[in-house]
């Protein structure tokens, strides 16, 4: 059974850490170990929390999401037309269609690396907080290094598929607990010459297939028996994760534009040191 307070706690943690550059998976492990808080709400609840955070992305970037859906469908239609009668070439590029392909390119290495991490490395991080602490220090270094990156001017028109592949690889690595998905992909985009707004927009757009894919994998393993009994806390958690996620995206956008993005690096550094000390001495 999921209690109302557990639903609130999990929703707030999910909404906060999914988008702020502090590593959601790392914080769930630390909360469980350091604070003795049960963060296992069950597979169905986890899926609903992810749906809530997806809704937040959809609301903030509704124009981009609609563009991805529309152009994704048209890409398939034009591909079929081209195969049938050699018209409507599917790779005639314009910004909206190019964004679809950039997201697809970035999602391929993310899926491969994410499955590898889940299959071979997840147990390492569940057995000790030390690896999580070490990777939080890595996140700290990435965020602090973002201050030194010369901001580029690339937007979707100038971004290359090589750029998208690099950001997708970083997102796949960020499935390791302790590496922030949003933080690492935004820094990777900026390092690749993206301007600030496009770096964060691309980071959130490529999170859609990543989060949806992880939710689907969880759903395939889920038992739906407790859904009816817990519909109240489940609904509350879904709505709350969407609200908190929306506020966090807006906050992150403002901090990035005001050159305060790196502030989260100090927090990740402190949490990393606490986790390592806890693992070594307690």
Foldseek 3Di string as FASTA:
>chain_A
DADLVLLLVLLLLLLQQQAQQFFSLLVQLCCCPVVVDDNPPFLVLLLLSLLLLLVLLCVVPVVLVVLLVVLVVVLVVLVVVCVVPNPSNSPPDDQSNLLNVLLVLLQVLLVVLQVVCVVPPPVVCNVASQVLLVLLLVLLVLLVCLLVQDAADDASVPDDSVLSNQLSNQLNVSSPRNGGQQSRQLSSNRNVRHHNVRSNNSSSVSVNCVSNVVSVVSVVVGDCPCCVVCVVSSVVSSNSSNVSNNVNSVVCSVCSVVVNSSVVSVVSNVVSVVRNCVRPPD
